Amino acid sequence: MTMSRIVQWSITVALAGFLFGFDTAVISGADKPIQALWGLSDLQHGLLIMSMALWGTVLGAIFGNWPTDALGRRATLIMIGVLYLVSAIGSAVVSDPALFALFRLLGGIGVGISSVAAPTYISEIAPPKYRGFLVAMYQFNIVFGILMAFISNYLIGSLMTEDAWRWMLGIEAVPALLYTLLITRVPRSPRWLILKRNDVEEASRVLRLINPEADVDAEIATIRAAEDDERNAHARFFSRRYRLPILLAFLIAFFNQLSGINFIIYYAPRVLEAAELGSQAALLSTAGIGVVNLVFTMIGMSLIDKLGRRTLLYIGSLGYLVSLVLISRAFFGNALGGLEVPMLLALFIAAHAISQGAVIWVFISEVFPNHVRARGQSFGSSIHWIFAALITLVMPWVLGTFSGGPVFAFFAVMMLLQLVFVMFLMPETKNVSLEDLQKHLVGDDVSLRRVHLSNARAPT
């Protein structure tokens, strides 16, 4: 098996995650300057500035399965790079909040589509033994992009005062252009070529590049047999046949956002200033949180194919609970200042990075069959981003009305419910081929009592 080639393609595709993370986090440095510049109310600021990209992300996630299936995974990834490029340049040069919102919307659409196309592509070229690690590289690039956005914001904010926010947003054009050029060098997904284009010759060529020693004809026959099962079922996406994958995708995406992760990423400077740190110290502490995010994402990537997806979510759920309860207690007790809240936020980020951060895109890309994988990835991503947008929309008002105590207490209760989900419903998907997972998780006779039968072994 030519792992170096698979890793190279996966890294290139996963760079969409870097732009995803950078675009998501870079707005935090422009948050307060833009609100002051255009004199926006908290609700206007939340809607037009802070959450507009997320509403674009919702649109991209909802409709991202169409280009991913119709145009192909690679063509869609190229389109994403163009959207990021236009968004970065446009949002940096405009002088009107409505136009700013439009360009942020375009970038958000790119984020949403990338959360469909990139994990789908990587899962379809990755061998089962390494699929978790390779798909998790998308998440690694997300947090690396977040870290680079925090560092970039801090450096630009330190070097200039006037219009610094424009440079913070515009610098994204550089990695967007580089990514767009690189993605043209990856091949099309062999599963997409077989199932959507019936191009067996090109699919065979790509499969041989992936593994020159594989029985390509047998592999294609397995893919086609799984597809025939789905076509013969004549099932709509929202039907009894797919109810278990849909439920699993909904819950993991729901709990990902109800942990409070996007609240922390978007509003970390405000939270840290509320903990009586200065604005520059808040930005610097935010960069430190970004480092923790990166390090523990790497740890999660190294463990996801060894310990499995469920074990990582057990670990993360406990870490969430400890950190969120203690942060809430710190705000309620007015015991703020120093390093207390930044350290607890770092613990929260570590819990997220090693669990939900590493698992979510892997898990959603695994539980749906080939026939509806892009649609399933789109569904899970949509749920993720709808809740992210809602949280980001209301948080300026929430932070203006409540202290951090009740906010973090709410997120703690949600993480207790996530622990229940992991204990009683979530299956383990490590080291199982996509086609074998389909047999265990899809069908009219699948019941929740059989969910843990998905612990099948991958073919060797």
Protein backbone atom coordinates (compact mmCIF):
# COMPACT_ATOMS: atom_id res chain seq x y z
CA MET A 1 0.00 0.00 0.00
CA THR A 2 1.39 3.41 -1.01
CA MET A 3 0.72 5.24 2.26
CA SER A 4 2.94 8.19 1.39
CA ARG A 5 0.73 9.00 -1.59
CA ILE A 6 -2.49 8.63 0.45
CA VAL A 7 -1.09 10.84 3.20
CA GLN A 8 -0.01 13.46 0.66
CA TRP A 9 -3.48 13.61 -0.90
CA SER A 10 -5.15 13.65 2.51
CA ILE A 11 -2.96 16.50 3.75
CA THR A 12 -3.70 18.54 0.63
CA VAL A 13 -7.45 18.04 0.96
CA ALA A 14 -7.28 18.66 4.71
CA LEU A 15 -5.84 22.13 4.04
CA ALA A 16 -9.46 23.09 3.43
CA GLY A 17 -9.70 22.66 7.20
CA PHE A 18 -6.90 25.20 7.72
CA LEU A 19 -8.90 27.80 5.84
CA PHE A 20 -12.03 26.69 7.72
CA GLY A 21 -10.31 27.26 11.08
CA PHE A 22 -8.60 30.50 10.07
CA ASP A 23 -11.80 31.98 8.66
CA THR A 24 -13.79 30.92 11.72
CA ALA A 25 -11.40 32.36 14.32
CA VAL A 26 -9.94 35.42 12.60
CA ILE A 27 -13.11 37.45 13.22
CA SER A 28 -12.44 37.35 16.99
CA GLY A 29 -9.68 39.95 16.61
CA ALA A 30 -11.96 42.23 14.57
CA ASP A 31 -14.95 41.76 16.89
CA LYS A 32 -14.88 44.91 19.03
CA PRO A 33 -13.13 47.30 16.57
CA ILE A 34 -15.79 46.67 13.91
CA GLN A 35 -18.66 47.15 16.37
CA ALA A 36 -17.17 50.48 17.48
CA LEU A 37 -16.38 51.59 13.88
CA TRP A 38 -19.91 51.12 12.56
CA GLY A 39 -21.78 51.85 15.82
CA LEU A 40 -23.76 48.61 15.77
CA SER A 41 -26.02 47.40 18.56
CA ASP A 42 -25.26 44.05 20.16
CA LEU A 43 -27.99 42.35 18.12
CA GLN A 44 -26.90 43.98 14.84
CA HIS A 45 -23.28 43.09 15.57
CA GLY A 46 -24.16 39.50 16.33
CA LEU A 47 -26.26 39.16 13.16
CA LEU A 48 -24.27 41.11 10.54
CA ILE A 49 -20.70 40.70 11.75
CA MET A 50 -20.15 37.76 14.09
CA SER A 51 -22.71 35.21 12.90
CA MET A 52 -23.03 36.02 9.17
CA ALA A 53 -20.21 33.66 8.18
CA LEU A 54 -21.88 30.94 10.22
CA TRP A 55 -25.20 31.44 8.42
CA GLY A 56 -23.23 31.06 5.20
CA THR A 57 -21.73 27.92 6.67
CA VAL A 58 -25.23 26.60 7.33
CA LEU A 59 -26.17 27.20 3.68
CA GLY A 60 -22.94 25.57 2.50
CA ALA A 61 -23.48 22.57 4.73
CA ILE A 62 -27.14 22.12 3.77
CA PHE A 63 -26.51 22.27 0.03
CA GLY A 64 -22.90 21.08 -0.02
CA ASN A 65 -23.87 17.52 -0.91
CA TRP A 66 -25.13 18.68 -4.33
CA PRO A 67 -21.79 19.88 -5.78
CA THR A 68 -19.96 17.12 -3.88
CA ASP A 69 -22.04 14.50 -5.71
CA ALA A 70 -22.80 16.27 -8.99
CA LEU A 71 -19.46 17.96 -9.71
CA GLY A 72 -17.25 15.62 -7.72
CA ARG A 73 -15.27 15.86 -4.51
CA ARG A 74 -12.18 17.42 -6.13
CA ALA A 75 -14.04 20.01 -8.25
CA THR A 76 -15.99 21.07 -5.16
CA LEU A 77 -12.79 21.49 -3.15
CA ILE A 78 -11.37 23.76 -5.87
CA MET A 79 -14.55 25.86 -5.76
CA ILE A 80 -14.14 26.18 -1.98
CA GLY A 81 -10.67 27.71 -2.41
CA VAL A 82 -12.07 30.37 -4.74
CA LEU A 83 -14.81 31.26 -2.24
CA TYR A 84 -12.25 31.71 0.55
CA LEU A 85 -10.07 33.90 -1.66
CA VAL A 86 -12.92 36.22 -2.69
CA SER A 87 -14.21 36.42 0.89
CA ALA A 88 -10.83 37.32 2.39
CA ILE A 89 -10.12 40.13 -0.07
CA GLY A 90 -13.66 41.48 -0.06
CA SER A 91 -14.16 41.60 3.71
CA ALA A 92 -10.81 43.37 4.13
CA VAL A 93 -11.52 46.26 1.76
CA VAL A 94 -15.22 47.09 2.21
CA SER A 95 -16.42 50.14 4.14
CA ASP A 96 -20.06 49.16 4.58
CA PRO A 97 -21.41 46.62 7.13
CA ALA A 98 -23.87 45.12 4.61
CA LEU A 99 -21.13 44.43 2.05
CA PHE A 100 -18.90 43.12 4.83
CA ALA A 101 -21.67 40.71 5.81
CA LEU A 102 -21.99 39.56 2.17
CA PHE A 103 -18.29 38.69 1.86
CA ARG A 104 -18.31 36.95 5.24
CA LEU A 105 -21.34 34.99 4.01
CA LEU A 106 -19.34 33.77 0.98
CA GLY A 107 -16.49 32.61 3.19
CA GLY A 108 -18.99 30.84 5.41
CA ILE A 109 -20.46 29.02 2.42
CA GLY A 110 -16.93 27.78 1.68
CA VAL A 111 -16.57 26.55 5.26
CA GLY A 112 -19.89 24.71 5.10
CA ILE A 113 -19.16 22.98 1.81
CA SER A 114 -15.64 22.04 2.95
CA SER A 115 -17.08 20.27 6.00
CA VAL A 116 -19.00 18.06 3.54
CA ALA A 117 -16.51 17.53 0.72
CA ALA A 118 -13.18 17.18 2.53
CA PRO A 119 -14.08 14.45 5.10
CA THR A 120 -16.08 12.63 2.41
CA TYR A 121 -13.11 12.57 0.02
CA ILE A 122 -10.56 11.47 2.63
CA SER A 123 -12.82 8.72 4.05
CA GLU A 124 -13.26 7.32 0.53
CA ILE A 125 -9.53 6.99 -0.21
CA ALA A 126 -8.36 5.94 3.27
CA PRO A 127 -7.78 2.29 4.30
CA PRO A 128 -9.91 1.30 7.33
CA LYS A 129 -6.88 0.87 9.61
CA TYR A 130 -5.83 4.50 9.17
CA ARG A 131 -9.13 6.17 8.28
CA GLY A 132 -9.59 7.83 11.65
CA PHE A 133 -6.14 9.40 11.60
CA LEU A 134 -6.36 10.55 7.98
CA VAL A 135 -9.83 12.10 8.26
CA ALA A 136 -8.81 13.69 11.59
CA MET A 137 -6.11 15.58 9.71
CA TYR A 138 -8.96 17.79 8.54
CA GLN A 139 -9.67 18.65 12.19
CA PHE A 140 -5.94 19.12 12.85
CA ASN A 141 -5.84 21.70 10.08
CA ILE A 142 -8.94 23.40 11.50
CA VAL A 143 -7.26 23.93 14.88
CA PHE A 144 -3.95 24.83 13.22
CA GLY A 145 -5.84 27.47 11.24
CA ILE A 146 -7.48 28.70 14.44
CA LEU A 147 -4.08 28.97 16.14
CA MET A 148 -2.58 30.82 13.17
CA ALA A 149 -5.56 33.21 13.18
CA PHE A 150 -5.07 33.95 16.89
CA ILE A 151 -1.32 34.48 16.46
CA SER A 152 -1.85 36.56 13.33
CA ASN A 153 -4.42 38.73 15.10
CA TYR A 154 -2.08 39.25 18.05
CA LEU A 155 0.90 40.19 15.88
CA ILE A 156 -1.07 42.50 13.61
CA GLY A 157 -2.81 44.07 16.62
CA SER A 158 0.57 44.68 18.26
CA LEU A 159 2.18 46.22 15.16
CA MET A 160 -0.58 48.60 14.11
CA THR A 161 -3.63 50.33 15.49
CA GLU A 162 -5.46 51.94 12.56
CA ASP A 163 -7.41 49.48 10.38
CA ALA A 164 -5.58 46.50 11.90
CA TRP A 165 -8.75 44.44 11.55
CA ARG A 166 -8.60 44.78 7.75
CA TRP A 167 -5.17 43.17 7.68
CA MET A 168 -6.33 40.49 10.11
CA LEU A 169 -9.07 39.45 7.68
CA GLY A 170 -7.23 40.06 4.39
CA ILE A 171 -4.18 37.92 5.19
CA GLU A 172 -6.32 34.82 4.63
CA ALA A 173 -6.06 35.40 0.87
CA VAL A 174 -2.50 34.02 0.87
CA PRO A 175 -3.26 30.47 2.14
CA ALA A 176 -6.50 30.45 0.12
CA LEU A 177 -4.60 30.96 -3.13
CA LEU A 178 -1.98 28.34 -2.21
CA TYR A 179 -4.64 25.76 -1.33
CA THR A 180 -6.55 26.33 -4.58
CA LEU A 181 -3.43 25.65 -6.62
CA LEU A 182 -2.47 22.52 -4.65
CA ILE A 183 -5.89 20.86 -4.74
CA THR A 184 -5.79 20.58 -8.54
CA ARG A 185 -3.06 17.91 -8.12
CA VAL A 186 -5.14 15.33 -6.23
CA PRO A 187 -7.08 12.62 -8.13
CA ARG A 188 -10.83 12.21 -8.09
CA SER A 189 -12.36 9.88 -5.50
CA PRO A 190 -12.50 6.28 -6.83
CA ARG A 191 -15.84 5.62 -5.10
CA TRP A 192 -17.32 8.75 -6.69
CA LEU A 193 -15.97 7.72 -10.10
CA ILE A 194 -17.63 4.30 -9.78
CA LEU A 195 -20.94 5.31 -8.25
CA LYS A 196 -21.60 8.69 -9.89
CA ARG A 197 -19.76 8.48 -13.22
CA ASN A 198 -19.47 4.73 -13.85
CA ASP A 199 -15.84 5.43 -14.82
CA VAL A 200 -14.37 2.08 -13.79
CA GLU A 201 -11.18 2.58 -15.78
CA GLU A 202 -10.20 5.81 -14.02
CA ALA A 203 -11.34 4.43 -10.65
CA SER A 204 -9.13 1.36 -11.20
CA ARG A 205 -6.15 3.61 -11.96
CA VAL A 206 -6.64 5.59 -8.73
CA LEU A 207 -7.17 2.42 -6.66
CA ARG A 208 -3.92 1.00 -8.02
CA LEU A 209 -2.15 4.23 -7.09
CA ILE A 210 -3.53 3.82 -3.57
CA ASN A 211 -2.57 0.15 -3.28
CA PRO A 212 -0.65 -1.47 -6.18
CA GLU A 213 -0.95 -4.90 -4.52
CA ALA A 214 -4.73 -4.83 -4.03
CA ASP A 215 -7.22 -6.92 -5.96
CA VAL A 216 -8.80 -3.90 -7.63
CA ASP A 217 -11.52 -5.90 -9.40
CA ALA A 218 -12.67 -7.43 -6.10
CA GLU A 219 -12.66 -4.03 -4.42
CA ILE A 220 -14.75 -2.51 -7.19
CA ALA A 221 -17.15 -5.48 -7.00
CA THR A 222 -17.58 -4.90 -3.23
CA ILE A 223 -18.29 -1.20 -3.76
CA ARG A 224 -20.82 -1.98 -6.50
CA ALA A 225 -22.55 -4.66 -4.42
CA ALA A 226 -23.01 -2.23 -1.54
CA GLU A 227 -24.39 0.33 -3.97
CA ASP A 228 -26.79 -2.20 -5.48
CA ASP A 229 -28.18 -2.95 -2.01
CA GLU A 230 -29.00 0.72 -1.52
CA ARG A 231 -30.47 1.21 -4.98
CA ASN A 232 -32.66 -1.88 -4.58
CA ALA A 233 -33.97 -0.55 -1.27
CA HIS A 234 -35.40 2.56 -3.04
CA ALA A 235 -35.23 4.43 0.27
CA ARG A 236 -35.44 8.19 0.70
CA PHE A 237 -32.74 9.75 2.87
CA PHE A 238 -35.14 10.60 5.68
CA SER A 239 -36.57 7.12 5.97
CA ARG A 240 -36.56 4.21 8.40
CA ARG A 241 -33.62 2.65 6.55
CA TYR A 242 -31.21 5.46 7.51
CA ARG A 243 -32.71 6.43 10.85
CA LEU A 244 -29.77 5.18 12.93
CA PRO A 245 -26.99 6.98 10.97
CA ILE A 246 -29.16 10.12 10.90
CA LEU A 247 -29.72 9.97 14.67
CA LEU A 248 -26.01 9.37 15.34
CA ALA A 249 -24.95 12.24 13.05
CA PHE A 250 -27.51 14.58 14.62
CA LEU A 251 -26.47 13.84 18.20
CA ILE A 252 -22.71 14.06 17.71
CA ALA A 253 -23.09 17.37 15.83
CA PHE A 254 -25.58 18.73 18.39
CA PHE A 255 -23.35 17.95 21.35
CA ASN A 256 -20.27 19.27 19.55
CA GLN A 257 -21.73 22.77 19.53
CA LEU A 258 -23.58 22.53 22.85
CA SER A 259 -20.21 21.99 24.48
CA GLY A 260 -19.66 25.72 23.93
CA ILE A 261 -16.63 25.33 21.67
CA ASN A 262 -17.56 27.97 19.10
CA PHE A 263 -18.61 30.32 21.87
CA ILE A 264 -15.08 30.04 23.28
CA ILE A 265 -13.38 30.42 19.89
CA TYR A 266 -15.42 33.44 18.81
CA TYR A 267 -15.65 35.25 22.12
CA ALA A 268 -12.49 34.15 23.96
CA PRO A 269 -11.09 37.71 24.17
CA ARG A 270 -14.35 38.95 25.71
CA VAL A 271 -14.50 36.06 28.18
CA LEU A 272 -10.91 36.61 29.24
CA GLU A 273 -11.41 40.36 29.59
CA ALA A 274 -14.43 39.57 31.77
CA ALA A 275 -11.98 37.57 33.89
CA GLU A 276 -10.21 40.91 34.47
CA LEU A 277 -7.38 40.44 31.98
CA GLY A 278 -6.39 43.35 29.73
CA SER A 279 -7.28 43.27 26.03
CA GLN A 280 -3.73 42.47 24.83
CA ALA A 281 -3.29 39.86 27.58
CA ALA A 282 -6.63 38.38 26.53
CA LEU A 283 -5.46 38.07 22.91
CA LEU A 284 -2.18 36.50 24.03
CA SER A 285 -3.97 34.04 26.33
CA THR A 286 -6.25 33.20 23.42
CA ALA A 287 -3.20 32.27 21.35
CA GLY A 288 -2.10 30.01 24.23
CA ILE A 289 -5.48 28.30 24.11
CA GLY A 290 -4.90 27.78 20.40
CA VAL A 291 -1.63 25.99 21.16
CA VAL A 292 -3.41 23.67 23.61
CA ASN A 293 -6.04 22.98 20.95
CA LEU A 294 -3.37 22.00 18.43
CA VAL A 295 -1.36 19.78 20.80
CA PHE A 296 -4.36 17.82 22.07
CA THR A 297 -5.79 17.45 18.58
CA MET A 298 -2.52 15.75 17.65
CA ILE A 299 -2.89 13.48 20.67
CA GLY A 300 -6.47 12.68 19.66
CA MET A 301 -5.33 11.88 16.11
CA SER A 302 -2.68 9.49 17.43
CA LEU A 303 -5.25 7.66 19.59
CA ILE A 304 -8.38 7.61 17.42
CA ASP A 305 -7.47 4.40 15.55
CA LYS A 306 -6.00 2.76 18.68
CA LEU A 307 -8.48 3.53 21.46
CA GLY A 308 -11.44 4.18 19.16
CA ARG A 309 -14.03 6.92 18.76
CA ARG A 310 -16.18 6.03 21.80
CA THR A 311 -13.25 5.92 24.23
CA LEU A 312 -12.10 9.37 23.17
CA LEU A 313 -15.60 10.76 23.72
CA TYR A 314 -15.69 9.19 27.19
CA ILE A 315 -12.43 10.97 28.02
CA GLY A 316 -13.61 14.22 26.51
CA SER A 317 -17.01 14.20 28.23
CA LEU A 318 -15.36 13.92 31.64
CA GLY A 319 -12.89 16.68 30.78
CA TYR A 320 -15.72 18.92 29.60
CA LEU A 321 -17.65 18.41 32.82
CA VAL A 322 -14.73 19.16 35.12
CA SER A 323 -13.62 22.28 33.25
CA LEU A 324 -17.08 23.75 32.64
CA VAL A 325 -18.25 23.24 36.20
CA LEU A 326 -15.10 24.86 37.59
CA ILE A 327 -15.29 27.81 35.16
CA SER A 328 -18.93 28.38 36.09
CA ARG A 329 -18.03 28.19 39.78
CA ALA A 330 -15.21 30.72 39.28
CA PHE A 331 -17.59 33.24 37.72
CA PHE A 332 -20.31 32.67 40.31
CA GLY A 333 -17.80 33.00 43.14
CA ASN A 334 -16.15 36.13 41.68
CA ALA A 335 -12.80 34.36 42.14
CA LEU A 336 -11.51 35.77 38.88
CA GLY A 337 -8.20 37.12 37.68
CA GLY A 338 -4.71 35.78 37.22
CA LEU A 339 -4.48 32.49 35.38
CA GLU A 340 -7.53 30.72 36.85
CA VAL A 341 -9.99 31.16 33.99
CA PRO A 342 -7.39 30.87 31.17
CA MET A 343 -6.13 27.59 32.67
CA LEU A 344 -9.65 26.19 32.98
CA LEU A 345 -10.42 27.26 29.41
CA ALA A 346 -7.25 25.46 28.32
CA LEU A 347 -8.51 22.32 30.09
CA PHE A 348 -11.84 22.68 28.27
CA ILE A 349 -10.08 23.06 24.92
CA ALA A 350 -7.90 20.01 25.65
CA ALA A 351 -11.01 17.93 26.41
CA HIS A 352 -12.64 19.08 23.19
CA ALA A 353 -9.58 18.60 21.00
CA ILE A 354 -8.87 15.04 22.14
CA SER A 355 -12.50 13.96 21.77
CA GLN A 356 -15.20 15.78 19.80
CA GLY A 357 -12.66 17.74 17.80
CA ALA A 358 -10.86 14.61 16.63
CA VAL A 359 -13.96 12.43 16.26
CA ILE A 360 -16.85 14.42 14.75
CA TRP A 361 -15.84 14.63 11.08
CA VAL A 362 -14.45 11.09 11.14
CA PHE A 363 -17.57 9.62 12.69
CA ILE A 364 -20.08 11.36 10.43
CA SER A 365 -18.11 10.36 7.32
CA GLU A 366 -18.18 6.69 8.44
CA VAL A 367 -21.75 5.96 9.50
CA PHE A 368 -23.49 6.64 6.16
CA PRO A 369 -23.32 4.25 3.17
CA ASN A 370 -21.57 5.23 -0.06
CA HIS A 371 -24.87 5.95 -1.79
CA VAL A 372 -25.80 8.78 0.58
CA ARG A 373 -22.45 9.65 2.21
CA ALA A 374 -22.30 13.20 0.86
CA ARG A 375 -25.96 13.73 1.83
CA GLY A 376 -25.29 12.35 5.31
CA GLN A 377 -22.16 14.46 5.72
CA SER A 378 -24.20 17.45 4.62
CA PHE A 379 -26.91 16.64 7.18
CA GLY A 380 -24.46 16.25 10.08
CA SER A 381 -22.55 19.38 9.08
CA SER A 382 -25.82 21.33 8.80
CA ILE A 383 -26.85 20.42 12.34
CA HIS A 384 -23.38 21.36 13.59
CA TRP A 385 -23.45 24.77 11.90
CA ILE A 386 -27.07 25.65 12.60
CA PHE A 387 -26.40 25.37 16.32
CA ALA A 388 -23.05 27.17 15.93
CA ALA A 389 -24.79 30.06 14.17
CA LEU A 390 -27.58 30.26 16.75
CA ILE A 391 -25.11 30.31 19.63
CA THR A 392 -22.95 32.97 17.98
CA LEU A 393 -25.99 35.08 17.12
CA VAL A 394 -27.34 35.29 20.66
CA MET A 395 -24.08 35.38 22.62
CA PRO A 396 -23.46 39.17 22.47
CA TRP A 397 -26.88 39.61 24.07
CA VAL A 398 -26.31 36.74 26.53
CA LEU A 399 -22.94 38.13 27.61
CA GLY A 400 -24.50 41.57 28.02
CA THR A 401 -27.29 40.13 30.19
CA PHE A 402 -25.68 37.31 32.20
CA SER A 403 -22.33 36.66 33.78
CA GLY A 404 -20.20 33.73 32.66
CA GLY A 405 -21.52 31.56 35.50
CA PRO A 406 -24.93 30.50 34.12
CA VAL A 407 -23.56 30.31 30.55
CA PHE A 408 -20.87 27.77 31.44
CA ALA A 409 -23.27 25.90 33.75
CA PHE A 410 -25.65 25.40 30.80
CA PHE A 411 -22.86 23.94 28.67
CA ALA A 412 -21.91 21.62 31.55
CA VAL A 413 -25.44 20.17 31.66
CA MET A 414 -25.26 19.54 27.90
CA MET A 415 -22.01 17.61 28.34
CA LEU A 416 -23.61 15.42 30.98
CA LEU A 417 -26.20 14.49 28.36
CA GLN A 418 -23.42 13.78 25.87
CA LEU A 419 -21.93 11.27 28.32
CA VAL A 420 -25.29 9.47 28.38
CA PHE A 421 -25.29 9.36 24.55
CA VAL A 422 -21.81 7.83 24.47
CA MET A 423 -22.66 5.24 27.11
CA PHE A 424 -25.92 3.97 25.64
CA LEU A 425 -26.04 4.70 21.91
CA MET A 426 -22.76 5.53 20.17
CA PRO A 427 -21.21 2.61 18.21
CA GLU A 428 -17.50 2.02 17.72
CA THR A 429 -16.42 2.36 14.10
CA LYS A 430 -12.65 1.95 14.25
CA ASN A 431 -10.96 -0.53 11.91
CA VAL A 432 -14.16 -1.36 10.01
CA SER A 433 -14.55 -0.91 6.25
CA LEU A 434 -17.17 1.53 5.02
CA GLU A 435 -19.08 -1.28 3.34
CA ASP A 436 -19.10 -3.41 6.52
CA LEU A 437 -20.33 -0.45 8.56
CA GLN A 438 -23.16 -0.10 6.09
CA LYS A 439 -24.27 -3.69 6.80
CA HIS A 440 -24.48 -3.04 10.56
CA LEU A 441 -25.91 0.49 10.72
CA VAL A 442 -28.30 0.65 7.74
CA GLY A 443 -31.51 -1.24 7.06
CA ASP A 444 -35.18 -1.42 7.94
CA ASP A 445 -34.52 -4.03 10.64
CA VAL A 446 -31.69 -2.20 12.45
CA SER A 447 -32.64 -1.45 16.04
CA LEU A 448 -30.89 0.59 18.72
CA ARG A 449 -30.34 -2.61 20.69
CA ARG A 450 -28.04 -3.86 17.92
CA VAL A 451 -25.97 -0.69 17.65
CA HIS A 452 -22.82 -2.15 19.23
CA LEU A 453 -22.72 -4.97 16.68
CA SER A 454 -20.85 -2.44 14.54
CA ASN A 455 -17.66 -3.62 16.23
CA ALA A 456 -16.92 -5.80 13.20
CA ARG A 457 -13.39 -6.33 11.99
CA ALA A 458 -12.05 -4.76 8.87
CA PRO A 459 -10.81 -7.06 6.16
CA THR A 460 -7.07 -7.58 6.34
